[in-house]
Amino acid sequence: MSTIIYQPYTYLIGWSAYNLWYYGCEFATVSKIANPNNLWNTYFTSSTYVLDVRKKHGEPDIVQVRHVFNNVDDCVKWEKKVLSRMNVLNDDRWLNKNIYGSIVQDEAVRRKISVAKKGKKHTDESKHKMSVSRKGKKHSEETKRKMSATRKGKKRGPYKCSRKSPSD
């Protein structure tokens, strides 16, 4: 059995007849089996949008390894840079629907979500779970600056203090 060399990489797949494209990366941080030889042999992307197009139109006619890296961070940074430069979130030719957290949703999906959430409040159990999940996490300096900027110029509301003063 031959040993697979761990090499994160980016790739392009496409259905040229339909002008549909997907740009992605494989880096398999847990299994450490990312390797360009995997592309379209054992690795077929994790995108459900790609899966849907495969079911509808068959296998892509364009399958290319675009760039090979020595580490995950460089691979992910490169993928983000390429997807942002190509403005994939605003171009129907691209099957990519997010760039690491920046998700695009069409208007119908946004409407459904807002209607489904309207007037609903989180249960105490949900609030507790959200609180627990955030414990110990620190905000980056950039996040702190952004939070501060959104609060600038806003008046603080009256707060009730449940602690008794020393004179009571």
Protein backbone atom coordinates (compact mmCIF):
# COMPACT_ATOMS: atom_id res chain seq x y z
CA MET A 1 0.00 0.00 0.00
CA SER A 2 1.42 3.38 -0.98
CA THR A 3 1.49 6.31 1.40
CA ILE A 4 -0.56 9.34 0.39
CA ILE A 5 1.30 12.63 0.79
CA TYR A 6 -0.80 15.25 2.54
CA GLN A 7 -1.22 18.20 0.14
CA PRO A 8 -4.14 20.60 0.48
CA TYR A 9 -5.24 21.97 -2.89
CA THR A 10 -7.79 24.10 -4.69
CA TYR A 11 -9.72 22.94 -7.71
CA LEU A 12 -12.15 23.98 -10.42
CA ILE A 13 -14.95 21.80 -11.74
CA GLY A 14 -17.43 22.76 -14.37
CA TRP A 15 -20.13 21.85 -16.82
CA SER A 16 -19.06 23.97 -19.78
CA ALA A 17 -22.21 23.18 -21.82
CA TYR A 18 -24.32 24.69 -19.02
CA ASN A 19 -21.80 27.37 -17.97
CA LEU A 20 -21.92 26.10 -14.36
CA TRP A 21 -18.78 26.18 -12.22
CA TYR A 22 -17.53 25.39 -8.73
CA TYR A 23 -14.23 26.41 -7.15
CA GLY A 24 -13.24 24.67 -3.93
CA CYS A 25 -10.50 23.23 -1.80
CA GLU A 26 -9.73 19.94 -0.13
CA PHE A 27 -7.72 20.02 3.06
CA ALA A 28 -9.12 17.16 5.22
CA THR A 29 -7.73 18.38 8.56
CA VAL A 30 -8.93 15.34 10.52
CA SER A 31 -8.02 12.45 8.22
CA LYS A 32 -4.97 14.17 6.64
CA ILE A 33 -5.64 12.51 3.30
CA ALA A 34 -6.03 15.61 1.13
CA ASN A 35 -4.12 15.07 -2.09
CA PRO A 36 -4.68 16.25 -5.67
CA ASN A 37 -4.90 12.61 -6.80
CA ASN A 38 -8.16 12.34 -4.84
CA LEU A 39 -10.03 14.84 -7.01
CA TRP A 40 -12.87 13.08 -8.78
CA ASN A 41 -11.46 9.68 -7.75
CA THR A 42 -12.30 9.58 -4.04
CA TYR A 43 -13.14 13.25 -3.40
CA PHE A 44 -16.19 14.81 -5.11
CA THR A 45 -16.65 17.99 -3.00
CA SER A 46 -18.96 18.39 -0.02
CA SER A 47 -21.24 20.81 -1.87
CA THR A 48 -24.87 19.74 -2.11
CA TYR A 49 -25.26 22.17 -5.03
CA VAL A 50 -22.60 20.24 -6.96
CA LEU A 51 -24.34 16.98 -6.10
CA ASP A 52 -27.64 18.34 -7.45
CA VAL A 53 -26.00 19.40 -10.72
CA ARG A 54 -24.28 16.00 -11.03
CA LYS A 55 -27.66 14.27 -10.66
CA LYS A 56 -29.25 16.57 -13.25
CA HIS A 57 -26.45 16.93 -15.84
CA GLY A 58 -24.01 14.09 -15.11
CA GLU A 59 -20.32 14.39 -14.36
CA PRO A 60 -18.47 17.66 -15.05
CA ASP A 61 -16.38 17.88 -18.20
CA ILE A 62 -13.88 20.23 -16.51
CA VAL A 63 -12.00 18.85 -13.48
CA GLN A 64 -8.79 20.73 -12.69
CA VAL A 65 -6.43 20.99 -9.74
CA ARG A 66 -5.62 24.70 -9.70
CA HIS A 67 -3.12 25.17 -6.89
CA VAL A 68 -1.30 22.90 -4.39
CA PHE A 69 -0.30 24.06 -0.88
CA ASN A 70 1.87 22.93 2.02
CA ASN A 71 -0.65 23.82 4.71
CA VAL A 72 -4.36 24.35 5.34
CA ASP A 73 -4.16 28.06 6.15
CA ASP A 74 -2.59 29.00 2.83
CA CYS A 75 -5.08 26.82 0.98
CA VAL A 76 -8.11 28.38 2.68
CA LYS A 77 -6.77 31.93 2.27
CA TRP A 78 -6.22 31.32 -1.44
CA GLU A 79 -9.70 29.88 -1.94
CA LYS A 80 -11.25 32.88 -0.16
CA LYS A 81 -9.22 35.28 -2.30
CA VAL A 82 -10.21 33.59 -5.57
CA LEU A 83 -13.92 33.30 -4.68
CA SER A 84 -14.04 36.94 -3.57
CA ARG A 85 -12.26 38.23 -6.68
CA MET A 86 -14.61 36.28 -8.93
CA ASN A 87 -17.61 37.61 -6.97
CA VAL A 88 -19.13 34.11 -6.99
CA LEU A 89 -21.89 34.97 -4.51
CA ASN A 90 -23.44 37.37 -7.02
CA ASP A 91 -22.96 35.34 -10.20
CA ASP A 92 -25.44 32.60 -11.17
CA ARG A 93 -22.78 30.70 -13.11
CA TRP A 94 -21.12 29.71 -9.85
CA LEU A 95 -22.49 26.93 -7.64
CA ASN A 96 -20.59 28.32 -4.64
CA LYS A 97 -23.10 29.75 -2.16
CA ASN A 98 -20.72 30.87 0.57
CA ILE A 99 -17.21 32.06 1.18
CA TYR A 100 -16.38 30.74 4.65
CA GLY A 101 -19.36 32.12 6.52
CA SER A 102 -20.49 34.77 4.07
CA ILE A 103 -23.64 33.06 2.84
CA VAL A 104 -25.87 34.36 0.09
CA GLN A 105 -29.56 33.52 0.19
CA ASP A 106 -32.09 34.38 -2.43
CA GLU A 107 -35.01 36.65 -1.52
CA ALA A 108 -37.49 33.77 -1.18
CA VAL A 109 -35.30 32.05 1.42
CA ARG A 110 -34.83 35.31 3.36
CA ARG A 111 -38.59 35.86 3.42
CA LYS A 112 -39.26 32.31 4.67
CA ILE A 113 -36.74 32.70 7.47
CA SER A 114 -38.09 36.08 8.58
CA VAL A 115 -41.71 34.84 8.55
CA ALA A 116 -40.79 31.66 10.43
CA LYS A 117 -38.97 33.64 13.15
CA LYS A 118 -41.45 36.51 13.46
CA GLY A 119 -42.75 36.81 17.00
CA LYS A 120 -40.91 33.72 18.24
CA LYS A 121 -38.74 33.92 21.30
CA HIS A 122 -35.96 31.63 22.41
CA THR A 123 -36.85 29.19 25.18
CA ASP A 124 -34.93 29.37 28.45
CA GLU A 125 -33.25 26.10 27.49
CA SER A 126 -32.12 27.57 24.14
CA LYS A 127 -30.85 30.70 25.87
CA HIS A 128 -28.89 28.56 28.33
CA LYS A 129 -27.35 26.47 25.51
CA MET A 130 -26.34 29.62 23.62
CA SER A 131 -24.80 31.04 26.78
CA VAL A 132 -22.84 27.85 27.49
CA SER A 133 -21.55 27.70 23.90
CA ARG A 134 -20.12 31.23 24.22
CA LYS A 135 -18.43 30.75 27.62
CA GLY A 136 -14.70 31.30 27.54
CA LYS A 137 -14.66 32.66 23.99
CA LYS A 138 -12.83 35.93 23.53
CA HIS A 139 -13.73 38.57 20.96
CA SER A 140 -10.98 39.68 18.61
CA GLU A 141 -9.81 43.28 18.78
CA GLU A 142 -11.49 43.93 15.43
CA THR A 143 -14.81 42.57 16.73
CA LYS A 144 -14.50 44.71 19.87
CA ARG A 145 -13.93 47.82 17.70
CA LYS A 146 -16.98 47.00 15.55
CA MET A 147 -19.20 46.45 18.61
CA SER A 148 -17.97 49.70 20.08
CA ALA A 149 -18.65 51.58 16.84
CA THR A 150 -22.25 50.35 16.68
CA ARG A 151 -22.88 51.59 20.24
CA LYS A 152 -21.31 55.03 19.80
CA GLY A 153 -23.82 57.85 20.20
CA LYS A 154 -26.58 55.62 21.59
CA LYS A 155 -28.08 56.43 24.94
CA ARG A 156 -28.01 53.76 27.57
CA GLY A 157 -31.33 52.75 29.05
CA PRO A 158 -32.16 52.67 32.75
CA TYR A 159 -30.80 49.60 34.48
CA LYS A 160 -32.10 47.97 37.60
CA CYS A 161 -29.55 46.96 40.11
CA SER A 162 -30.47 44.07 42.38
CA ARG A 163 -27.49 44.57 44.67
CA LYS A 164 -28.05 46.39 47.90
CA SER A 165 -25.87 49.35 48.70
CA PRO A 166 -23.51 49.07 51.71
CA SER A 167 -25.65 51.52 53.65
CA ASP A 168 -28.74 49.24 53.60
